[in-house]
Amino acid sequence: MSSYRVISGDSHVIETSDVWTERALPKFKGLVPHVEAAEPGALDHHGRPQKDFWVCEGQQIVQFGGDPKTGVRFDDPMDLLKGHRGDEFIVKGAFIPEEHVKDNELDGVDIGIVYPTIGIYLFGIQASPLMDEICRGYNDWIADWCSSFPDKLKGIAMINHDDVSVAVKEMERARKMGLIGAMITVAPLDDQLYDQPVYEPMWAASQALDMPLSLHAATNRQGFFADPLALRAAWITTMHHAIETSMADIILSGVLDRYPDIKIGSVEHEIAWVPHFLDRLDNTYTQRVGPWLLENRLKDDLLPSDQFRTNCFLGFQEDALGLRNRDIIGMDTLQWGSDYPHAESTFPRSREILDDILIGCTEEEKPKSSAATAPRCTTSRACPGSIQRPVSPSPSFRPPSRNPERLSTNIVAFPPPHPVRSS
């Protein structure tokens, strides 16, 4: 068993049904996301029994509870092909902080950097004031959720930047509450791309607050989740296209040049796409002609790929192919994440899987991908004293199967309040 410390740079919480309804300002009470019970006998678009759904703006967003099949991939992989159906049960650690920490310990993970689950889908909500309220409510909730274990759970804020001044104020508020990073859309609206000057206050705030910006997979602002058929297998396979476009807009418009201490990253897109992206980034910068490049020449004769390796971080989970090209990508950019408690998570075999995919790495490289780069994806103050100090696992530690005794008692029905039936 490896002796390096492990920080999950991409863990999740599954929001309870009262996150937004209990915290909404009066004028938003009837508008924020809420859970509606399925009509008896109703079928979904696959002809299966309809489940309770999160609803916002009159549209179904995602099934209540997200995807509860934590660890099923190791016992019954074919069950995952049945989609987000099956039962409505979920591990306690998905929504109870103490149980989340216990599951991390069981999995050999020291610290979890926590992103939302339902909140990710909500970036498609088009009404800007409502989206701002959704972010505010979630940030209040997750700051409180992480406060029970501040050394073990590090929350990431949701930020909507349709109005950049509102975004900056919410970043400042979130930082004061102890949240250590900010999640912004990976795919902004077509008239709000990241190469525009309107974002200057947000880049400045990110650097000043020491609050890195995460572009998480599936946080598209275009609202494709309004159509349950839009989440196609082909889209999932190629979702890294969005992060490439946004990263190119940020880097080629000189953001990293103007804000040399800012940290911006890709979360849950894996990393094998990066070598080709860096090659195209430098080729465009040096070989293409256009006023948009002449206006943004980088200082000190740097190439865009140089700034990428200095200022960006890359979340990965099981991308052994990408790790083979770590010399091109830059080992210091990499940050592993377990994706707990989602169906594709490495839990409860994270250390075993990490050892397997890092088998070609040197002993000096292994801690870099699993712990040492954590400050890039959160803040340099996020994990004081815990980043570079290797620790030995308990002598009794063994990668567990999905169903050790503790896990068998760790599956419960999703907590109240119970969803209400729509009228």
Protein backbone atom coordinates (compact mmCIF):
# COMPACT_ATOMS: atom_id res chain seq x y z
CA MET A 1 0.00 0.00 0.00
CA SER A 2 1.24 3.46 -0.90
CA SER A 3 2.37 5.88 1.82
CA TYR A 4 1.57 9.21 0.18
CA ARG A 5 -1.26 11.39 1.46
CA VAL A 6 -4.40 11.58 -0.67
CA ILE A 7 -6.67 14.57 -1.16
CA SER A 8 -9.73 14.17 -3.37
CA GLY A 9 -9.86 17.26 -5.53
CA ASP A 10 -13.33 16.34 -6.78
CA SER A 11 -15.79 14.99 -4.22
CA HIS A 12 -19.49 15.76 -4.06
CA VAL A 13 -22.39 16.27 -1.73
CA ILE A 14 -25.96 15.35 -2.70
CA GLU A 15 -28.29 18.15 -1.72
CA THR A 16 -31.29 17.49 0.51
CA SER A 17 -34.67 18.68 -0.70
CA ASP A 18 -34.78 21.73 1.59
CA VAL A 19 -31.51 23.34 0.49
CA TRP A 20 -33.18 26.10 -1.51
CA THR A 21 -36.76 26.15 -0.19
CA GLU A 22 -35.56 26.77 3.38
CA ARG A 23 -33.14 29.55 2.43
CA ALA A 24 -34.82 31.44 -0.38
CA LEU A 25 -35.65 35.10 -0.04
CA PRO A 26 -39.44 35.64 0.01
CA LYS A 27 -39.70 36.74 -3.63
CA PHE A 28 -37.99 33.54 -4.77
CA LYS A 29 -39.85 31.08 -2.51
CA GLY A 30 -41.98 29.62 -5.28
CA LEU A 31 -39.24 29.73 -7.89
CA VAL A 32 -36.18 28.01 -6.40
CA PRO A 33 -35.48 24.32 -7.07
CA HIS A 34 -37.82 21.98 -5.22
CA VAL A 35 -38.74 18.31 -5.41
CA GLU A 36 -42.03 17.11 -6.84
CA ALA A 37 -43.28 13.57 -6.41
CA ALA A 38 -44.06 11.54 -9.50
CA GLU A 39 -47.66 10.84 -10.37
CA PRO A 40 -48.69 7.24 -9.57
CA GLY A 41 -48.19 5.07 -12.64
CA ALA A 42 -46.33 7.76 -14.61
CA LEU A 43 -43.59 6.57 -16.96
CA ASP A 44 -40.42 8.35 -18.07
CA HIS A 45 -39.27 8.72 -21.69
CA HIS A 46 -37.76 5.21 -21.53
CA GLY A 47 -41.07 3.72 -20.44
CA ARG A 48 -39.89 3.08 -16.88
CA PRO A 49 -41.67 4.14 -13.67
CA GLN A 50 -41.21 7.87 -13.17
CA LYS A 51 -39.21 8.95 -10.11
CA ASP A 52 -39.45 12.12 -8.04
CA PHE A 53 -37.70 15.02 -9.75
CA TRP A 54 -36.05 18.30 -8.95
CA VAL A 55 -38.09 20.99 -10.66
CA CYS A 56 -37.21 24.60 -11.43
CA GLU A 57 -38.78 27.10 -13.82
CA GLY A 58 -41.50 24.54 -14.46
CA GLN A 59 -39.10 21.98 -15.93
CA GLN A 60 -37.73 18.74 -14.59
CA ILE A 61 -34.01 19.10 -13.96
CA VAL A 62 -32.79 15.76 -12.64
CA GLN A 63 -34.01 12.83 -10.56
CA PHE A 64 -34.29 13.48 -6.84
CA GLY A 65 -31.08 12.31 -5.13
CA GLY A 66 -29.03 12.37 -8.32
CA ASP A 67 -27.36 9.01 -8.91
CA PRO A 68 -27.29 6.84 -5.78
CA LYS A 69 -25.43 3.83 -7.14
CA THR A 70 -22.24 4.38 -5.16
CA GLY A 71 -19.88 1.44 -5.65
CA VAL A 72 -22.26 -0.56 -7.86
CA ARG A 73 -19.73 -0.46 -10.71
CA PHE A 74 -17.52 -2.87 -8.74
CA ASP A 75 -20.30 -5.37 -7.95
CA ASP A 76 -22.71 -5.20 -10.89
CA PRO A 77 -21.44 -2.97 -13.71
CA MET A 78 -24.36 -3.91 -15.95
CA ASP A 79 -26.74 -2.37 -13.41
CA LEU A 80 -25.32 1.05 -14.30
CA LEU A 81 -26.62 0.63 -17.84
CA LYS A 82 -30.15 0.74 -16.45
CA GLY A 83 -29.66 4.45 -15.84
CA HIS A 84 -30.60 6.50 -12.79
CA ARG A 85 -33.46 4.24 -11.82
CA GLY A 86 -33.45 1.30 -9.44
CA ASP A 87 -33.98 2.29 -5.81
CA GLU A 88 -33.86 5.69 -4.15
CA PHE A 89 -31.23 4.72 -1.61
CA ILE A 90 -27.96 6.45 -1.09
CA VAL A 91 -24.93 6.24 1.18
CA LYS A 92 -25.21 8.42 4.28
CA GLY A 93 -21.95 10.16 3.44
CA ALA A 94 -23.63 11.78 0.46
CA PHE A 95 -25.47 14.18 2.73
CA ILE A 96 -24.19 13.72 6.32
CA PRO A 97 -20.78 15.36 6.94
CA GLU A 98 -19.65 12.91 9.64
CA GLU A 99 -20.45 9.92 7.43
CA HIS A 100 -18.72 11.57 4.47
CA VAL A 101 -15.54 11.89 6.52
CA LYS A 102 -15.85 8.27 7.70
CA ASP A 103 -16.20 7.05 4.12
CA ASN A 104 -13.16 9.09 3.10
CA GLU A 105 -11.16 7.46 5.90
CA LEU A 106 -12.41 4.04 4.81
CA ASP A 107 -11.27 4.90 1.29
CA GLY A 108 -7.84 6.14 2.34
CA VAL A 109 -8.68 9.77 1.53
CA ASP A 110 -7.53 12.45 3.96
CA ILE A 111 -9.40 15.54 2.69
CA GLY A 112 -12.36 16.01 0.35
CA ILE A 113 -12.84 19.12 -1.80
CA VAL A 114 -16.61 19.22 -2.15
CA TYR A 115 -18.68 20.22 -5.18
CA PRO A 116 -22.48 20.07 -5.53
CA THR A 117 -24.45 17.44 -7.41
CA ILE A 118 -27.85 18.95 -8.18
CA GLY A 119 -26.23 22.40 -8.29
CA ILE A 120 -24.18 21.38 -11.31
CA TYR A 121 -27.32 20.78 -13.35
CA LEU A 122 -28.78 24.11 -12.28
CA PHE A 123 -26.30 26.17 -14.28
CA GLY A 124 -28.74 25.75 -17.16
CA ILE A 125 -31.34 27.94 -15.40
CA GLN A 126 -31.67 30.98 -17.67
CA ALA A 127 -33.21 33.56 -15.31
CA SER A 128 -30.19 35.46 -13.95
CA PRO A 129 -31.69 36.74 -10.65
CA LEU A 130 -33.01 33.25 -9.89
CA MET A 131 -29.63 31.71 -10.69
CA ASP A 132 -27.96 34.22 -8.36
CA GLU A 133 -30.38 33.19 -5.60
CA ILE A 134 -29.69 29.50 -6.26
CA CYS A 135 -25.97 30.15 -5.82
CA ARG A 136 -26.51 32.17 -2.64
CA GLY A 137 -28.69 29.49 -1.05
CA TYR A 138 -26.32 26.66 -1.91
CA ASN A 139 -23.28 28.56 -0.66
CA ASP A 140 -24.94 29.21 2.69
CA TRP A 141 -25.83 25.53 2.97
CA ILE A 142 -22.47 24.06 1.92
CA ALA A 143 -20.50 26.44 4.15
CA ASP A 144 -22.53 25.21 7.11
CA TRP A 145 -22.23 21.60 5.94
CA CYS A 146 -18.43 21.73 5.81
CA SER A 147 -18.06 23.65 9.09
CA SER A 148 -18.42 20.50 11.21
CA PHE A 149 -15.13 19.18 9.84
CA PRO A 150 -13.21 22.22 8.56
CA ASP A 151 -9.92 20.31 8.28
CA LYS A 152 -11.49 17.43 6.35
CA LEU A 153 -14.17 19.01 4.15
CA LYS A 154 -13.44 21.99 1.88
CA GLY A 155 -16.42 23.52 0.12
CA ILE A 156 -16.49 25.10 -3.35
CA ALA A 157 -18.92 27.96 -3.98
CA MET A 158 -21.36 28.16 -6.89
CA ILE A 159 -20.99 31.45 -8.77
CA ASN A 160 -23.20 32.86 -11.54
CA HIS A 161 -21.49 35.66 -13.48
CA ASP A 162 -24.29 36.87 -15.74
CA ASP A 163 -23.77 40.08 -13.75
CA VAL A 164 -20.07 40.17 -12.90
CA SER A 165 -20.53 42.66 -10.08
CA VAL A 166 -22.96 40.26 -8.38
CA ALA A 167 -20.50 37.41 -8.93
CA VAL A 168 -17.65 39.32 -7.27
CA LYS A 169 -19.77 40.17 -4.22
CA GLU A 170 -20.82 36.54 -3.86
CA MET A 171 -17.21 35.37 -4.16
CA GLU A 172 -16.24 37.78 -1.38
CA ARG A 173 -19.12 36.58 0.79
CA ALA A 174 -18.33 32.91 0.14
CA ARG A 175 -14.68 33.42 1.01
CA LYS A 176 -15.63 34.99 4.35
CA MET A 177 -17.79 31.92 5.08
CA GLY A 178 -14.79 29.65 4.60
CA LEU A 179 -15.39 28.36 1.07
CA ILE A 180 -12.07 27.93 -0.68
CA GLY A 181 -12.83 28.02 -4.40
CA ALA A 182 -15.49 29.11 -6.86
CA MET A 183 -17.20 27.02 -9.53
CA ILE A 184 -18.17 28.94 -12.67
CA THR A 185 -19.82 27.64 -15.83
CA VAL A 186 -17.66 25.57 -18.14
CA ALA A 187 -19.65 26.81 -21.14
CA PRO A 188 -20.94 30.39 -20.87
CA LEU A 189 -23.63 31.77 -23.15
CA ASP A 190 -22.49 32.67 -26.66
CA ASP A 191 -22.54 36.39 -25.91
CA GLN A 192 -20.65 35.94 -22.61
CA LEU A 193 -17.51 34.05 -23.62
CA TYR A 194 -14.45 34.26 -21.37
CA ASP A 195 -12.33 36.40 -23.71
CA GLN A 196 -14.44 39.49 -22.98
CA PRO A 197 -13.28 42.48 -20.88
CA VAL A 198 -16.42 42.36 -18.74
CA TYR A 199 -14.82 39.57 -16.67
CA GLU A 200 -11.83 41.64 -15.51
CA PRO A 201 -13.32 42.28 -12.03
CA MET A 202 -13.94 38.53 -11.58
CA TRP A 203 -10.38 37.59 -12.54
CA ALA A 204 -9.07 40.30 -10.22
CA ALA A 205 -11.27 39.10 -7.35
CA SER A 206 -10.19 35.49 -7.83
CA GLN A 207 -6.54 36.48 -7.56
CA ALA A 208 -7.05 38.92 -4.67
CA LEU A 209 -9.18 36.48 -2.65
CA ASP A 210 -6.83 33.56 -3.35
CA MET A 211 -9.95 31.80 -4.63
CA PRO A 212 -9.27 29.54 -7.63
CA LEU A 213 -11.93 29.13 -10.31
CA SER A 214 -13.15 25.65 -11.24
CA LEU A 215 -14.83 24.82 -14.53
CA HIS A 216 -16.63 21.59 -13.68
CA ALA A 217 -18.00 19.21 -16.27
CA ALA A 218 -21.72 19.63 -17.08
CA THR A 219 -22.06 23.17 -15.71
CA ASN A 220 -23.07 24.40 -19.16
CA ARG A 221 -25.01 27.67 -19.11
CA GLN A 222 -26.89 26.74 -22.29
CA GLY A 223 -29.59 24.86 -20.41
CA PHE A 224 -29.42 21.55 -22.25
CA PHE A 225 -30.72 19.66 -19.23
CA ALA A 226 -34.18 21.08 -19.95
CA ASP A 227 -34.54 18.20 -22.40
CA PRO A 228 -33.94 14.76 -20.79
CA LEU A 229 -33.04 13.38 -24.21
CA ALA A 230 -30.28 15.96 -24.68
CA LEU A 231 -27.88 14.19 -22.32
CA ARG A 232 -26.72 11.76 -24.97
CA ALA A 233 -23.89 9.27 -24.79
CA ALA A 234 -22.02 11.19 -27.49
CA TRP A 235 -22.20 14.39 -25.44
CA ILE A 236 -20.81 12.64 -22.36
CA THR A 237 -18.00 11.15 -24.46
CA THR A 238 -16.96 14.55 -25.86
CA MET A 239 -17.78 16.89 -22.97
CA HIS A 240 -14.13 18.00 -22.82
CA HIS A 241 -14.77 20.17 -25.89
CA ALA A 242 -16.37 22.82 -23.68
CA ILE A 243 -13.39 23.11 -21.33
CA GLU A 244 -11.00 23.40 -24.27
CA THR A 245 -12.93 26.33 -25.72
CA SER A 246 -13.19 28.16 -22.40
CA MET A 247 -9.55 27.56 -21.47
CA ALA A 248 -8.44 28.80 -24.90
CA ASP A 249 -10.56 31.94 -24.52
CA ILE A 250 -9.05 32.65 -21.10
CA ILE A 251 -5.42 32.00 -22.03
CA LEU A 252 -5.32 33.53 -25.52
CA SER A 253 -7.04 36.71 -24.28
CA GLY A 254 -4.17 37.25 -21.84
CA VAL A 255 -5.99 36.64 -18.55
CA LEU A 256 -3.11 34.64 -17.05
CA ASP A 257 -0.68 37.35 -18.15
CA ARG A 258 -2.64 40.12 -16.44
CA TYR A 259 -3.28 38.05 -13.31
CA PRO A 260 -0.14 35.97 -12.82
CA ASP A 261 -1.28 34.48 -9.50
CA ILE A 262 -4.74 33.38 -10.59
CA LYS A 263 -5.54 29.64 -10.64
CA ILE A 264 -8.11 28.25 -13.08
CA GLY A 265 -8.90 24.62 -13.63
CA SER A 266 -10.74 21.80 -15.31
CA VAL A 267 -12.69 19.42 -13.09
CA GLU A 268 -13.94 15.97 -14.12
CA HIS A 269 -12.91 16.15 -17.78
CA GLU A 270 -9.96 13.75 -17.33
CA ILE A 271 -6.64 14.73 -18.95
CA ALA A 272 -5.82 12.75 -22.12
CA TRP A 273 -7.13 15.64 -24.26
CA VAL A 274 -4.54 18.06 -22.88
CA PRO A 275 -1.41 17.29 -25.00
CA HIS A 276 -3.24 17.94 -28.27
CA PHE A 277 -4.90 21.02 -26.79
CA LEU A 278 -1.55 22.50 -25.72
CA ASP A 279 -0.08 21.81 -29.14
CA ARG A 280 -3.00 23.58 -30.85
CA LEU A 281 -2.84 26.43 -28.34
CA ASP A 282 0.80 27.17 -29.12
CA ASN A 283 0.32 26.63 -32.85
CA THR A 284 -2.54 29.11 -32.96
CA TYR A 285 -0.54 31.65 -30.95
CA THR A 286 2.58 31.41 -33.10
CA GLN A 287 1.26 30.57 -36.57
CA ARG A 288 -2.14 32.15 -36.96
CA VAL A 289 -2.66 35.76 -38.00
CA GLY A 290 -5.34 37.99 -36.52
CA PRO A 291 -5.81 41.17 -34.48
CA TRP A 292 -7.11 39.12 -31.56
CA LEU A 293 -3.64 37.59 -31.18
CA LEU A 294 -1.64 40.74 -31.87
CA GLU A 295 -3.49 42.46 -29.02
CA ASN A 296 -2.61 39.78 -26.47
CA ARG A 297 1.09 38.94 -26.76
CA LEU A 298 2.39 37.27 -23.62
CA LYS A 299 5.17 38.71 -21.48
CA ASP A 300 8.70 37.32 -21.34
CA ASP A 301 8.28 35.42 -24.63
CA LEU A 302 6.12 32.82 -22.90
CA LEU A 303 3.96 30.44 -24.86
CA PRO A 304 0.35 29.77 -23.87
CA SER A 305 1.32 26.24 -22.83
CA ASP A 306 3.85 27.70 -20.37
CA GLN A 307 1.15 29.70 -18.64
CA PHE A 308 -1.19 26.72 -18.68
CA ARG A 309 1.35 24.62 -16.76
CA THR A 310 1.96 27.44 -14.26
CA ASN A 311 -1.58 28.62 -13.56
CA CYS A 312 -3.98 25.79 -14.38
CA PHE A 313 -5.01 22.60 -12.62
CA LEU A 314 -6.55 19.45 -14.07
CA GLY A 315 -8.85 17.07 -12.27
CA PHE A 316 -8.61 13.41 -13.21
CA GLN A 317 -9.99 10.17 -11.86
CA GLU A 318 -8.79 7.10 -13.74
CA ASP A 319 -7.07 8.46 -16.84
CA ALA A 320 -4.08 6.16 -17.19
CA LEU A 321 -3.71 7.22 -20.84
CA GLY A 322 -3.41 10.85 -19.83
CA LEU A 323 -0.85 10.03 -17.15
CA ARG A 324 1.41 8.47 -19.77
CA ASN A 325 1.74 11.97 -21.22
CA ARG A 326 2.34 13.67 -17.87
CA ASP A 327 5.68 15.04 -19.10
CA ILE A 328 3.80 17.01 -21.78
CA ILE A 329 0.86 17.98 -19.56
CA GLY A 330 2.92 18.93 -16.53
CA MET A 331 2.82 16.80 -13.40
CA ASP A 332 2.28 19.85 -11.20
CA THR A 333 -1.06 20.55 -12.89
CA LEU A 334 -2.66 17.24 -11.93
CA GLN A 335 -5.17 16.73 -9.13
CA TRP A 336 -6.84 13.39 -8.56
CA GLY A 337 -10.44 13.16 -7.35
CA SER A 338 -12.61 10.21 -6.29
CA ASP A 339 -15.95 11.70 -7.46
CA TYR A 340 -17.54 10.22 -4.32
CA PRO A 341 -20.47 9.44 -3.95
CA HIS A 342 -21.41 9.31 -7.65
CA ALA A 343 -21.93 6.08 -9.55
CA GLU A 344 -18.62 6.44 -11.42
CA SER A 345 -16.71 7.09 -8.20
CA THR A 346 -13.59 5.12 -7.29
CA PHE A 347 -15.02 4.62 -3.77
CA PRO A 348 -14.35 2.36 -1.94
CA ARG A 349 -11.26 1.32 -3.93
CA SER A 350 -9.60 4.68 -4.47
CA ARG A 351 -6.15 3.83 -3.06
CA GLU A 352 -6.06 0.56 -4.96
CA ILE A 353 -7.04 2.30 -8.21
CA LEU A 354 -4.59 5.16 -7.63
CA ASP A 355 -1.75 2.70 -7.10
CA ASP A 356 -2.66 0.98 -10.35
CA ILE A 357 -2.86 4.08 -12.54
CA LEU A 358 0.24 5.67 -10.98
CA ILE A 359 2.32 2.51 -11.38
CA GLY A 360 4.57 4.12 -14.01
CA CYS A 361 5.15 7.26 -11.95
CA THR A 362 8.18 7.84 -9.75
CA GLU A 363 7.84 8.02 -5.98
CA GLU A 364 8.41 11.77 -6.28
CA GLU A 365 5.62 12.15 -8.86
CA LYS A 366 2.91 10.16 -7.07
CA PRO A 367 2.19 12.63 -4.24
CA LYS A 368 2.03 15.48 -6.78
CA SER A 369 -1.07 14.09 -8.46
CA SER A 370 -2.79 12.96 -5.28
CA ALA A 371 -2.05 15.77 -2.82
CA ALA A 372 0.67 18.27 -3.56
CA THR A 373 -1.27 20.22 -6.19
CA ALA A 374 -4.35 20.64 -4.01
CA PRO A 375 -3.56 24.32 -3.36
CA ARG A 376 -3.97 25.04 -7.07
CA CYS A 377 -7.56 23.85 -7.13
CA THR A 378 -8.57 25.49 -3.86
CA THR A 379 -6.33 28.00 -2.14
CA SER A 380 -2.81 28.00 -0.83
CA ARG A 381 -4.30 28.22 2.65
CA ALA A 382 -6.80 25.41 2.22
CA CYS A 383 -4.86 22.49 3.64
CA PRO A 384 -2.13 23.92 5.89
CA GLY A 385 0.61 21.55 6.84
CA SER A 386 -0.93 18.56 5.11
CA ILE A 387 0.19 18.74 1.52
CA GLN A 388 3.73 17.49 1.25
CA ARG A 389 4.08 15.41 4.39
CA PRO A 390 3.78 11.71 3.49
CA VAL A 391 1.83 9.65 5.96
CA SER A 392 1.69 5.93 6.46
CA PRO A 393 -1.69 4.23 6.25
CA SER A 394 -2.97 2.20 9.12
CA PRO A 395 -1.37 -1.27 9.15
CA SER A 396 -4.88 -2.71 9.02
CA PHE A 397 -5.89 -0.71 5.94
CA ARG A 398 -7.08 -2.81 3.04
CA PRO A 399 -8.99 -1.70 -0.05
CA PRO A 400 -12.50 -2.87 0.85
CA SER A 401 -15.17 -4.35 -1.34
CA ARG A 402 -18.33 -2.34 -1.68
CA ASN A 403 -20.10 -4.23 1.10
CA PRO A 404 -18.02 -4.46 4.27
CA GLU A 405 -20.08 -4.53 7.44
CA ARG A 406 -19.96 -0.76 7.89
CA LEU A 407 -21.20 -0.11 4.39
CA SER A 408 -24.03 -2.57 4.78
CA THR A 409 -25.50 -0.31 7.46
CA ASN A 410 -24.63 2.85 5.60
CA ILE A 411 -27.44 2.80 3.06
CA VAL A 412 -30.55 4.71 4.03
CA ALA A 413 -33.57 6.22 2.38
CA PHE A 414 -32.98 9.80 1.36
CA PRO A 415 -33.69 12.11 4.32
CA PRO A 416 -36.79 14.21 4.83
CA PRO A 417 -38.43 16.55 4.07
CA HIS A 418 -40.35 14.28 1.75
CA PRO A 419 -41.05 15.63 -1.74
CA VAL A 420 -44.51 17.04 -2.29
CA ARG A 421 -46.76 16.22 -5.18
CA SER A 422 -47.27 18.99 -7.68
CA SER A 423 -50.76 20.38 -8.02
